[in-house]
Amino acid sequence: MGYDLPINAEMSTNEVKDVVAKLQGEAPVASIALSGGEPFLRKDLPEIARAINKGGADAVIITNGTLLTEEHVAATVANCSYEVTLLS
């Protein structure tokens, strides 16, 4: 499955979920890290984290921490763990 996207285009929610499902169907994946840019800029991040969990893996959000708000944590905490980079 390939995607012909312009250089600055983002994958849709369904495209990300399709890639996650394909990966989990082909390999024994224990965790999937979501990084970026900044993952918390995606409004669908909680949905993506849930899809990763549903497939049996842990979701890890790699963030610079600037958008790690109470609301974002509340929306994702049951589905993932966080890694905060300090090199930004």
PDB file of N, CA and C in Angstrom:
ATOM      1  N   MET A   1       0.862  -1.164   0.000  1.00  0.00           N
ATOM      2  CA  MET A   1       0.000   0.000   0.000  1.00  0.00           C
ATOM      3  C   MET A   1       0.905   1.222   0.000  1.00  0.00           C
ATOM      4  N   GLY A   2       0.792   2.070  -1.009  1.00  0.00           N
ATOM      5  CA  GLY A   2       1.595   3.278  -1.075  1.00  0.00           C
ATOM      6  C   GLY A   2       0.693   4.492  -1.091  1.00  0.00           C
ATOM      7  N   TYR A   3       1.245   5.603  -0.700  1.00  0.00           N
ATOM      8  CA  TYR A   3       0.495   6.846  -0.682  1.00  0.00           C
ATOM      9  C   TYR A   3       1.265   7.875  -1.485  1.00  0.00           C
ATOM     10  N   ASP A   4       0.593   8.473  -2.469  1.00  0.00           N
ATOM     11  CA  ASP A   4       1.199   9.531  -3.262  1.00  0.00           C
ATOM     12  C   ASP A   4       0.722  10.853  -2.702  1.00  0.00           C
ATOM     13  N   LEU A   5       1.473  11.370  -1.727  1.00  0.00           N
ATOM     14  CA  LEU A   5       1.099  12.610  -1.063  1.00  0.00           C
ATOM     15  C   LEU A   5       2.077  13.714  -1.423  1.00  0.00           C
ATOM     16  N   PRO A   6       1.584  14.940  -1.501  1.00  0.00           N
ATOM     17  CA  PRO A   6       2.519  16.054  -1.644  1.00  0.00           C
ATOM     18  C   PRO A   6       3.452  16.095  -0.440  1.00  0.00           C
ATOM     19  N   ILE A   7       4.583  16.719  -0.590  1.00  0.00           N
ATOM     20  CA  ILE A   7       5.618  16.717   0.454  1.00  0.00           C
ATOM     21  C   ILE A   7       5.113  17.168   1.821  1.00  0.00           C
ATOM     22  N   ASN A   8       4.257  18.170   1.902  1.00  0.00           N
ATOM     23  CA  ASN A   8       3.799  18.694   3.197  1.00  0.00           C
ATOM     24  C   ASN A   8       2.439  18.149   3.617  1.00  0.00           C
ATOM     25  N   ALA A   9       1.942  17.130   2.944  1.00  0.00           N
ATOM     26  CA  ALA A   9       0.620  16.592   3.260  1.00  0.00           C
ATOM     27  C   ALA A   9       0.693  15.650   4.453  1.00  0.00           C
ATOM     28  N   GLU A  10      -0.384  15.626   5.215  1.00  0.00           N
ATOM     29  CA  GLU A  10      -0.522  14.681   6.317  1.00  0.00           C
ATOM     30  C   GLU A  10      -1.376  13.508   5.868  1.00  0.00           C
ATOM     31  N   MET A  11      -1.108  12.366   6.445  1.00  0.00           N
ATOM     32  CA  MET A  11      -1.978  11.218   6.205  1.00  0.00           C
ATOM     33  C   MET A  11      -3.291  11.462   6.939  1.00  0.00           C
ATOM     34  N   SER A  12      -4.375  10.976   6.366  1.00  0.00           N
ATOM     35  CA  SER A  12      -5.668  11.075   7.030  1.00  0.00           C
ATOM     36  C   SER A  12      -5.702  10.099   8.207  1.00  0.00           C
ATOM     37  N   THR A  13      -6.704  10.249   9.052  1.00  0.00           N
ATOM     38  CA  THR A  13      -6.875   9.333  10.176  1.00  0.00           C
ATOM     39  C   THR A  13      -6.972   7.890   9.675  1.00  0.00           C
ATOM     40  N   ASN A  14      -7.787   7.669   8.659  1.00  0.00           N
ATOM     41  CA  ASN A  14      -7.957   6.315   8.141  1.00  0.00           C
ATOM     42  C   ASN A  14      -6.679   5.774   7.524  1.00  0.00           C
ATOM     43  N   GLU A  15      -5.909   6.607   6.859  1.00  0.00           N
ATOM     44  CA  GLU A  15      -4.639   6.152   6.295  1.00  0.00           C
ATOM     45  C   GLU A  15      -3.673   5.723   7.403  1.00  0.00           C
ATOM     46  N   VAL A  16      -3.599   6.495   8.481  1.00  0.00           N
ATOM     47  CA  VAL A  16      -2.725   6.139   9.608  1.00  0.00           C
ATOM     48  C   VAL A  16      -3.198   4.830  10.221  1.00  0.00           C
ATOM     49  N   LYS A  17      -4.502   4.703  10.448  1.00  0.00           N
ATOM     50  CA  LYS A  17      -5.042   3.481  11.042  1.00  0.00           C
ATOM     51  C   LYS A  17      -4.809   2.270  10.144  1.00  0.00           C
ATOM     52  N   ASP A  18      -4.890   2.464   8.823  1.00  0.00           N
ATOM     53  CA  ASP A  18      -4.607   1.377   7.889  1.00  0.00           C
ATOM     54  C   ASP A  18      -3.152   0.926   7.995  1.00  0.00           C
ATOM     55  N   VAL A  19      -2.231   1.875   8.071  1.00  0.00           N
ATOM     56  CA  VAL A  19      -0.802   1.545   8.192  1.00  0.00           C
ATOM     57  C   VAL A  19      -0.545   0.817   9.507  1.00  0.00           C
ATOM     58  N   VAL A  20      -1.148   1.307  10.593  1.00  0.00           N
ATOM     59  CA  VAL A  20      -0.995   0.666  11.902  1.00  0.00           C
ATOM     60  C   VAL A  20      -1.506  -0.773  11.846  1.00  0.00           C
ATOM     61  N   ALA A  21      -2.695  -0.973  11.281  1.00  0.00           N
ATOM     62  CA  ALA A  21      -3.279  -2.317  11.196  1.00  0.00           C
ATOM     63  C   ALA A  21      -2.405  -3.233  10.344  1.00  0.00           C
ATOM     64  N   LYS A  22      -1.900  -2.732   9.239  1.00  0.00           N
ATOM     65  CA  LYS A  22      -1.036  -3.530   8.364  1.00  0.00           C
ATOM     66  C   LYS A  22       0.235  -3.918   9.104  1.00  0.00           C
ATOM     67  N   LEU A  23       0.853  -2.979   9.789  1.00  0.00           N
ATOM     68  CA  LEU A  23       2.073  -3.253  10.559  1.00  0.00           C
ATOM     69  C   LEU A  23       1.809  -4.297  11.630  1.00  0.00           C
ATOM     70  N   GLN A  24       0.730  -4.126  12.378  1.00  0.00           N
ATOM     71  CA  GLN A  24       0.416  -5.060  13.446  1.00  0.00           C
ATOM     72  C   GLN A  24       0.022  -6.434  12.909  1.00  0.00           C
ATOM     73  N   GLY A  25      -0.502  -6.481  11.697  1.00  0.00           N
ATOM     74  CA  GLY A  25      -0.864  -7.754  11.102  1.00  0.00           C
ATOM     75  C   GLY A  25       0.329  -8.531  10.561  1.00  0.00           C
ATOM     76  N   GLU A  26       1.431  -7.837  10.319  1.00  0.00           N
ATOM     77  CA  GLU A  26       2.596  -8.467   9.698  1.00  0.00           C
ATOM     78  C   GLU A  26       3.754  -8.726  10.651  1.00  0.00           C
ATOM     79  N   ALA A  27       3.735  -8.110  11.822  1.00  0.00           N
ATOM     80  CA  ALA A  27       4.871  -8.261  12.742  1.00  0.00           C
ATOM     81  C   ALA A  27       4.377  -8.222  14.184  1.00  0.00           C
ATOM     82  N   PRO A  28       5.089  -8.897  15.083  1.00  0.00           N
ATOM     83  CA  PRO A  28       4.729  -8.847  16.503  1.00  0.00           C
ATOM     84  C   PRO A  28       5.214  -7.532  17.126  1.00  0.00           C
ATOM     85  N   VAL A  29       4.428  -6.492  16.978  1.00  0.00           N
ATOM     86  CA  VAL A  29       4.803  -5.152  17.416  1.00  0.00           C
ATOM     87  C   VAL A  29       4.356  -4.950  18.856  1.00  0.00           C
ATOM     88  N   ALA A  30       5.302  -4.602  19.742  1.00  0.00           N
ATOM     89  CA  ALA A  30       4.977  -4.362  21.148  1.00  0.00           C
ATOM     90  C   ALA A  30       4.559  -2.922  21.395  1.00  0.00           C
ATOM     91  N   SER A  31       5.143  -1.984  20.645  1.00  0.00           N
ATOM     92  CA  SER A  31       4.779  -0.576  20.798  1.00  0.00           C
ATOM     93  C   SER A  31       4.990   0.156  19.484  1.00  0.00           C
ATOM     94  N   ILE A  32       4.231   1.226  19.334  1.00  0.00           N
ATOM     95  CA  ILE A  32       4.350   2.096  18.164  1.00  0.00           C
ATOM     96  C   ILE A  32       4.497   3.518  18.677  1.00  0.00           C
ATOM     97  N   ALA A  33       5.565   4.179  18.253  1.00  0.00           N
ATOM     98  CA  ALA A  33       5.826   5.552  18.673  1.00  0.00           C
ATOM     99  C   ALA A  33       5.256   6.526  17.657  1.00  0.00           C
ATOM    100  N   LEU A  34       4.623   7.550  18.165  1.00  0.00           N
ATOM    101  CA  LEU A  34       4.065   8.618  17.332  1.00  0.00           C
ATOM    102  C   LEU A  34       4.889   9.873  17.590  1.00  0.00           C
ATOM    103  N   SER A  35       5.507  10.361  16.541  1.00  0.00           N
ATOM    104  CA  SER A  35       6.333  11.559  16.689  1.00  0.00           C
ATOM    105  C   SER A  35       6.001  12.508  15.554  1.00  0.00           C
ATOM    106  N   GLY A  36       6.810  13.500  15.342  1.00  0.00           N
ATOM    107  CA  GLY A  36       6.429  14.435  14.296  1.00  0.00           C
ATOM    108  C   GLY A  36       7.609  15.215  13.796  1.00  0.00           C
ATOM    109  N   GLY A  37       7.328  16.363  13.648  1.00  0.00           N
ATOM    110  CA  GLY A  37       6.633  17.505  14.224  1.00  0.00           C
ATOM    111  C   GLY A  37       6.173  17.191  15.634  1.00  0.00           C
ATOM    112  N   GLU A  38       5.037  17.717  15.937  1.00  0.00           N
ATOM    113  CA  GLU A  38       4.441  17.584  17.269  1.00  0.00           C
ATOM    114  C   GLU A  38       3.137  16.809  17.148  1.00  0.00           C
ATOM    115  N   PRO A  39       3.078  15.568  17.678  1.00  0.00           N
ATOM    116  CA  PRO A  39       1.883  14.741  17.535  1.00  0.00           C
ATOM    117  C   PRO A  39       0.613  15.385  18.089  1.00  0.00           C
ATOM    118  N   PHE A  40       0.730  16.194  19.131  1.00  0.00           N
ATOM    119  CA  PHE A  40      -0.459  16.788  19.732  1.00  0.00           C
ATOM    120  C   PHE A  40      -1.112  17.850  18.843  1.00  0.00           C
ATOM    121  N   LEU A  41      -0.500  18.175  17.711  1.00  0.00           N
ATOM    122  CA  LEU A  41      -1.151  19.071  16.757  1.00  0.00           C
ATOM    123  C   LEU A  41      -2.259  18.349  15.998  1.00  0.00           C
ATOM    124  N   ARG A  42      -2.248  17.026  16.022  1.00  0.00           N
ATOM    125  CA  ARG A  42      -3.292  16.243  15.349  1.00  0.00           C
ATOM    126  C   ARG A  42      -4.490  16.092  16.276  1.00  0.00           C
ATOM    127  N   LYS A  43      -5.639  16.506  15.809  1.00  0.00           N
ATOM    128  CA  LYS A  43      -6.868  16.376  16.600  1.00  0.00           C
ATOM    129  C   LYS A  43      -7.277  14.912  16.767  1.00  0.00           C
ATOM    130  N   ASP A  44      -6.812  14.055  15.855  1.00  0.00           N
ATOM    131  CA  ASP A  44      -7.188  12.642  15.883  1.00  0.00           C
ATOM    132  C   ASP A  44      -6.204  11.774  16.664  1.00  0.00           C
ATOM    133  N   LEU A  45      -5.287  12.377  17.384  1.00  0.00           N
ATOM    134  CA  LEU A  45      -4.276  11.612  18.114  1.00  0.00           C
ATOM    135  C   LEU A  45      -4.887  10.591  19.085  1.00  0.00           C
ATOM    136  N   PRO A  46      -5.901  10.948  19.872  1.00  0.00           N
ATOM    137  CA  PRO A  46      -6.503   9.934  20.754  1.00  0.00           C
ATOM    138  C   PRO A  46      -7.080   8.744  19.979  1.00  0.00           C
ATOM    139  N   GLU A  47      -7.688   9.001  18.834  1.00  0.00           N
ATOM    140  CA  GLU A  47      -8.257   7.928  18.014  1.00  0.00           C
ATOM    141  C   GLU A  47      -7.156   7.013  17.471  1.00  0.00           C
ATOM    142  N   ILE A  48      -6.050   7.600  17.064  1.00  0.00           N
ATOM    143  CA  ILE A  48      -4.926   6.813  16.564  1.00  0.00           C
ATOM    144  C   ILE A  48      -4.339   5.966  17.694  1.00  0.00           C
ATOM    145  N   ALA A  49      -4.188   6.550  18.877  1.00  0.00           N
ATOM    146  CA  ALA A  49      -3.654   5.804  20.030  1.00  0.00           C
ATOM    147  C   ALA A  49      -4.569   4.631  20.377  1.00  0.00           C
ATOM    148  N   ARG A  50      -5.881   4.856  20.317  1.00  0.00           N
ATOM    149  CA  ARG A  50      -6.830   3.765  20.596  1.00  0.00           C
ATOM    150  C   ARG A  50      -6.700   2.649  19.554  1.00  0.00           C
ATOM    151  N   ALA A  51      -6.500   3.020  18.298  1.00  0.00           N
ATOM    152  CA  ALA A  51      -6.348   2.009  17.237  1.00  0.00           C
ATOM    153  C   ALA A  51      -5.096   1.170  17.479  1.00  0.00           C
ATOM    154  N   ILE A  52      -4.025   1.803  17.936  1.00  0.00           N
ATOM    155  CA  ILE A  52      -2.795   1.072  18.237  1.00  0.00           C
ATOM    156  C   ILE A  52      -3.047   0.083  19.374  1.00  0.00           C
ATOM    157  N   ASN A  53      -3.718   0.546  20.432  1.00  0.00           N
ATOM    158  CA  ASN A  53      -4.040  -0.327  21.567  1.00  0.00           C
ATOM    159  C   ASN A  53      -4.958  -1.469  21.155  1.00  0.00           C
ATOM    160  N   LYS A  54      -5.932  -1.173  20.320  1.00  0.00           N
ATOM    161  CA  LYS A  54      -6.878  -2.197  19.876  1.00  0.00           C
ATOM    162  C   LYS A  54      -6.158  -3.324  19.149  1.00  0.00           C
ATOM    163  N   GLY A  55      -5.065  -2.984  18.476  1.00  0.00           N
ATOM    164  CA  GLY A  55      -4.277  -3.989  17.783  1.00  0.00           C
ATOM    165  C   GLY A  55      -3.299  -4.724  18.684  1.00  0.00           C
ATOM    166  N   GLY A  56      -3.287  -4.384  19.973  1.00  0.00           N
ATOM    167  CA  GLY A  56      -2.471  -5.109  20.933  1.00  0.00           C
ATOM    168  C   GLY A  56      -1.115  -4.509  21.246  1.00  0.00           C
ATOM    169  N   ALA A  57      -0.852  -3.292  20.787  1.00  0.00           N
ATOM    170  CA  ALA A  57       0.437  -2.647  21.060  1.00  0.00           C
ATOM    171  C   ALA A  57       0.234  -1.428  21.961  1.00  0.00           C
ATOM    172  N   ASP A  58       1.312  -1.000  22.571  1.00  0.00           N
ATOM    173  CA  ASP A  58       1.298   0.226  23.357  1.00  0.00           C
ATOM    174  C   ASP A  58       1.605   1.406  22.446  1.00  0.00           C
ATOM    175  N   ALA A  59       0.894   2.504  22.642  1.00  0.00           N
ATOM    176  CA  ALA A  59       1.174   3.731  21.904  1.00  0.00           C
ATOM    177  C   ALA A  59       2.109   4.593  22.745  1.00  0.00           C
ATOM    178  N   VAL A  60       3.126   5.130  22.110  1.00  0.00           N
ATOM    179  CA  VAL A  60       4.082   6.017  22.771  1.00  0.00           C
ATOM    180  C   VAL A  60       4.064   7.341  22.014  1.00  0.00           C
ATOM    181  N   ILE A  61       3.773   8.433  22.713  1.00  0.00           N
ATOM    182  CA  ILE A  61       3.765   9.749  22.088  1.00  0.00           C
ATOM    183  C   ILE A  61       5.075  10.444  22.434  1.00  0.00           C
ATOM    184  N   ILE A  62       5.833  10.774  21.402  1.00  0.00           N
ATOM    185  CA  ILE A  62       7.089  11.497  21.584  1.00  0.00           C
ATOM    186  C   ILE A  62       6.798  12.966  21.315  1.00  0.00           C
ATOM    187  N   THR A  63       6.914  13.786  22.341  1.00  0.00           N
ATOM    188  CA  THR A  63       6.493  15.180  22.275  1.00  0.00           C
ATOM    189  C   THR A  63       7.575  16.095  22.842  1.00  0.00           C
ATOM    190  N   ASN A  64       7.554  17.351  22.417  1.00  0.00           N
ATOM    191  CA  ASN A  64       8.467  18.318  23.023  1.00  0.00           C
ATOM    192  C   ASN A  64       7.866  18.877  24.310  1.00  0.00           C
ATOM    193  N   GLY A  65       6.633  18.497  24.621  1.00  0.00           N
ATOM    194  CA  GLY A  65       5.998  18.865  25.879  1.00  0.00           C
ATOM    195  C   GLY A  65       5.241  20.174  25.865  1.00  0.00           C
ATOM    196  N   THR A  66       5.390  20.980  24.836  1.00  0.00           N
ATOM    197  CA  THR A  66       4.741  22.292  24.839  1.00  0.00           C
ATOM    198  C   THR A  66       3.224  22.198  24.770  1.00  0.00           C
ATOM    199  N   LEU A  67       2.687  21.134  24.214  1.00  0.00           N
ATOM    200  CA  LEU A  67       1.237  20.957  24.112  1.00  0.00           C
ATOM    201  C   LEU A  67       0.732  19.850  25.034  1.00  0.00           C
ATOM    202  N   LEU A  68       1.530  19.472  26.000  1.00  0.00           N
ATOM    203  CA  LEU A  68       1.143  18.424  26.950  1.00  0.00           C
ATOM    204  C   LEU A  68       0.279  19.057  28.046  1.00  0.00           C
ATOM    205  N   THR A  69      -0.981  19.312  27.680  1.00  0.00           N
ATOM    206  CA  THR A  69      -1.934  19.969  28.577  1.00  0.00           C
ATOM    207  C   THR A  69      -2.778  18.929  29.300  1.00  0.00           C
ATOM    208  N   GLU A  70      -3.494  19.371  30.317  1.00  0.00           N
ATOM    209  CA  GLU A  70      -4.393  18.469  31.042  1.00  0.00           C
ATOM    210  C   GLU A  70      -5.416  17.845  30.094  1.00  0.00           C
ATOM    211  N   GLU A  71      -5.926  18.627  29.152  1.00  0.00           N
ATOM    212  CA  GLU A  71      -6.917  18.122  28.210  1.00  0.00           C
ATOM    213  C   GLU A  71      -6.326  17.040  27.313  1.00  0.00           C
ATOM    214  N   HIS A  72      -5.113  17.268  26.803  1.00  0.00           N
ATOM    215  CA  HIS A  72      -4.480  16.275  25.939  1.00  0.00           C
ATOM    216  C   HIS A  72      -4.154  14.999  26.716  1.00  0.00           C
ATOM    217  N   VAL A  73      -3.689  15.160  27.928  1.00  0.00           N
ATOM    218  CA  VAL A  73      -3.388  13.985  28.748  1.00  0.00           C
ATOM    219  C   VAL A  73      -4.675  13.217  29.036  1.00  0.00           C
ATOM    220  N   ALA A  74      -5.733  13.907  29.394  1.00  0.00           N
ATOM    221  CA  ALA A  74      -7.010  13.247  29.694  1.00  0.00           C
ATOM    222  C   ALA A  74      -7.528  12.469  28.488  1.00  0.00           C
ATOM    223  N   ALA A  75      -7.278  12.984  27.283  1.00  0.00           N
ATOM    224  CA  ALA A  75      -7.778  12.332  26.073  1.00  0.00           C
ATOM    225  C   ALA A  75      -6.946  11.124  25.662  1.00  0.00           C
ATOM    226  N   THR A  76      -5.698  11.045  26.141  1.00  0.00           N
ATOM    227  CA  THR A  76      -4.811   9.983  25.652  1.00  0.00           C
ATOM    228  C   THR A  76      -4.226   9.084  26.738  1.00  0.00           C
ATOM    229  N   VAL A  77      -4.297   9.463  27.983  1.00  0.00           N
ATOM    230  CA  VAL A  77      -3.553   8.767  29.035  1.00  0.00           C
ATOM    231  C   VAL A  77      -3.908   7.289  29.167  1.00  0.00           C
ATOM    232  N   ALA A  78      -5.143   6.911  28.922  1.00  0.00           N
ATOM    233  CA  ALA A  78      -5.520   5.504  29.051  1.00  0.00           C
ATOM    234  C   ALA A  78      -4.951   4.664  27.923  1.00  0.00           C
ATOM    235  N   ASN A  79      -4.482   5.311  26.881  1.00  0.00           N
ATOM    236  CA  ASN A  79      -4.070   4.586  25.689  1.00  0.00           C
ATOM    237  C   ASN A  79      -2.580   4.652  25.387  1.00  0.00           C
ATOM    238  N   CYS A  80      -1.793   5.389  26.179  1.00  0.00           N
ATOM    239  CA  CYS A  80      -0.405   5.566  25.762  1.00  0.00           C
ATOM    240  C   CYS A  80       0.492   6.013  26.904  1.00  0.00           C
ATOM    241  N   SER A  81       1.775   6.077  26.575  1.00  0.00           N
ATOM    242  CA  SER A  81       2.749   6.695  27.466  1.00  0.00           C
ATOM    243  C   SER A  81       3.417   7.819  26.683  1.00  0.00           C
ATOM    244  N   TYR A  82       4.192   8.617  27.382  1.00  0.00           N
ATOM    245  CA  TYR A  82       4.788   9.807  26.781  1.00  0.00           C
ATOM    246  C   TYR A  82       6.302   9.781  26.921  1.00  0.00           C
ATOM    247  N   GLU A  83       6.965  10.275  25.913  1.00  0.00           N
ATOM    248  CA  GLU A  83       8.391  10.558  25.991  1.00  0.00           C
ATOM    249  C   GLU A  83       8.547  12.028  25.644  1.00  0.00           C
ATOM    250  N   VAL A  84       9.197  12.767  26.523  1.00  0.00           N
ATOM    251  CA  VAL A  84       9.387  14.191  26.310  1.00  0.00           C
ATOM    252  C   VAL A  84      10.836  14.434  25.941  1.00  0.00           C
ATOM    253  N   THR A  85      11.035  15.058  24.783  1.00  0.00           N
ATOM    254  CA  THR A  85      12.393  15.360  24.327  1.00  0.00           C
ATOM    255  C   THR A  85      12.876  16.637  24.999  1.00  0.00           C
ATOM    256  N   LEU A  86      14.152  16.680  25.314  1.00  0.00           N
ATOM    257  CA  LEU A  86      14.725  17.869  25.942  1.00  0.00           C
ATOM    258  C   LEU A  86      15.755  18.548  25.059  1.00  0.00           C
ATOM    259  N   LEU A  87      15.809  18.140  23.797  1.00  0.00           N
ATOM    260  CA  LEU A  87      16.808  18.679  22.888  1.00  0.00           C
ATOM    261  C   LEU A  87      16.246  19.776  21.996  1.00  0.00           C
ATOM    262  N   SER A  88      14.980  20.096  22.126  1.00  0.00           N
ATOM    263  CA  SER A  88      14.341  21.066  21.213  1.00  0.00           C
ATOM    264  C   SER A  88      14.831  22.467  21.478  1.00  0.00           C
TER     265      SER A  88
END
